[in-house]
Amino acid sequence: MFLYTIVPPEQIFSQPVKSSCYYLQVKNSFVQGVQQGDRMVVSRLISTDPHMYLDPQYAPGNLVRRSFGSRPKLL
């Protein structure tokens, strides 16, 4: 196979960096985010309840403190 491109081969054939996404269950919904210490930075909200999307606590970029006994799931 020949690739005629100006992009270096390291960039084309490099393996993607695997990020660790955590899912936290909140009020029959899921919050996806990245772990930072004992908190989680919200990436997205997965819910069928429209009121959850209006709650600024679960907006992307916000920090969510997980409950003391709960443990986020790595998927």
Protein backbone atom coordinates (compact mmCIF):
# COMPACT_ATOMS: atom_id res chain seq x y z
CA MET A 1 0.00 0.00 0.00
CA PHE A 2 1.33 3.41 -0.96
CA LEU A 3 0.20 6.64 0.59
CA TYR A 4 1.01 9.81 -1.29
CA THR A 5 0.71 12.42 1.40
CA ILE A 6 2.73 15.13 3.12
CA VAL A 7 1.59 13.91 6.54
CA PRO A 8 4.35 12.01 8.40
CA PRO A 9 3.80 8.24 8.79
CA GLU A 10 4.00 8.52 12.60
CA GLN A 11 0.91 10.69 12.58
CA ILE A 12 -1.05 8.39 10.25
CA PHE A 13 -0.17 5.08 11.88
CA SER A 14 -0.01 6.16 15.51
CA GLN A 15 -2.29 4.50 18.04
CA PRO A 16 -4.93 6.80 19.56
CA VAL A 17 -4.48 7.71 23.20
CA LYS A 18 -7.10 5.94 25.26
CA SER A 19 -8.80 8.28 27.68
CA SER A 20 -10.48 7.02 30.79
CA CYS A 21 -14.17 7.89 30.77
CA TYR A 22 -16.14 7.30 33.92
CA TYR A 23 -19.90 6.99 34.25
CA LEU A 24 -21.66 8.03 37.42
CA GLN A 25 -25.32 7.14 37.99
CA VAL A 26 -27.35 10.11 39.23
CA LYS A 27 -31.18 10.16 39.57
CA ASN A 28 -31.83 7.35 37.04
CA SER A 29 -29.43 9.03 34.59
CA PHE A 30 -25.73 8.81 33.81
CA VAL A 31 -23.07 11.50 33.87
CA GLN A 32 -19.97 10.83 31.77
CA GLY A 33 -16.76 12.52 32.79
CA VAL A 34 -13.07 12.43 33.55
CA GLN A 35 -11.84 11.74 37.08
CA GLN A 36 -9.86 14.51 38.84
CA GLY A 37 -9.09 13.56 42.42
CA ASP A 38 -12.34 12.96 44.31
CA ARG A 39 -14.32 14.91 41.72
CA MET A 40 -15.35 14.34 38.13
CA VAL A 41 -15.38 16.86 35.25
CA VAL A 42 -18.65 16.41 33.36
CA SER A 43 -18.28 15.57 29.66
CA ARG A 44 -21.91 14.77 28.91
CA LEU A 45 -25.21 13.83 30.45
CA ILE A 46 -27.13 10.75 29.36
CA SER A 47 -30.75 11.05 30.45
CA THR A 48 -34.32 10.78 29.22
CA ASP A 49 -35.50 13.42 31.71
CA PRO A 50 -35.48 16.90 30.10
CA HIS A 51 -35.26 18.58 33.53
CA MET A 52 -31.81 17.06 34.08
CA TYR A 53 -30.48 18.96 31.06
CA LEU A 54 -31.70 22.23 32.57
CA ASP A 55 -29.82 21.65 35.82
CA PRO A 56 -26.57 23.68 35.64
CA GLN A 57 -24.89 21.23 38.02
CA TYR A 58 -24.65 18.64 35.21
CA ALA A 59 -23.52 21.04 32.45
CA PRO A 60 -20.36 19.99 30.58
CA GLY A 61 -17.20 21.32 32.23
CA ASN A 62 -18.64 21.44 35.75
CA LEU A 63 -17.16 19.51 38.63
CA VAL A 64 -19.36 16.85 40.25
CA ARG A 65 -18.44 15.45 43.63
CA ARG A 66 -19.30 11.80 43.77
CA SER A 67 -21.12 10.48 46.82
CA PHE A 68 -18.95 9.03 49.52
CA GLY A 69 -19.96 5.38 49.05
CA SER A 70 -20.31 5.41 45.27
CA ARG A 71 -17.62 4.50 42.82
CA PRO A 72 -17.61 5.64 39.20
CA LYS A 73 -17.65 2.89 36.59
CA LEU A 74 -14.94 2.75 33.96
CA LEU A 75 -16.37 1.65 30.59
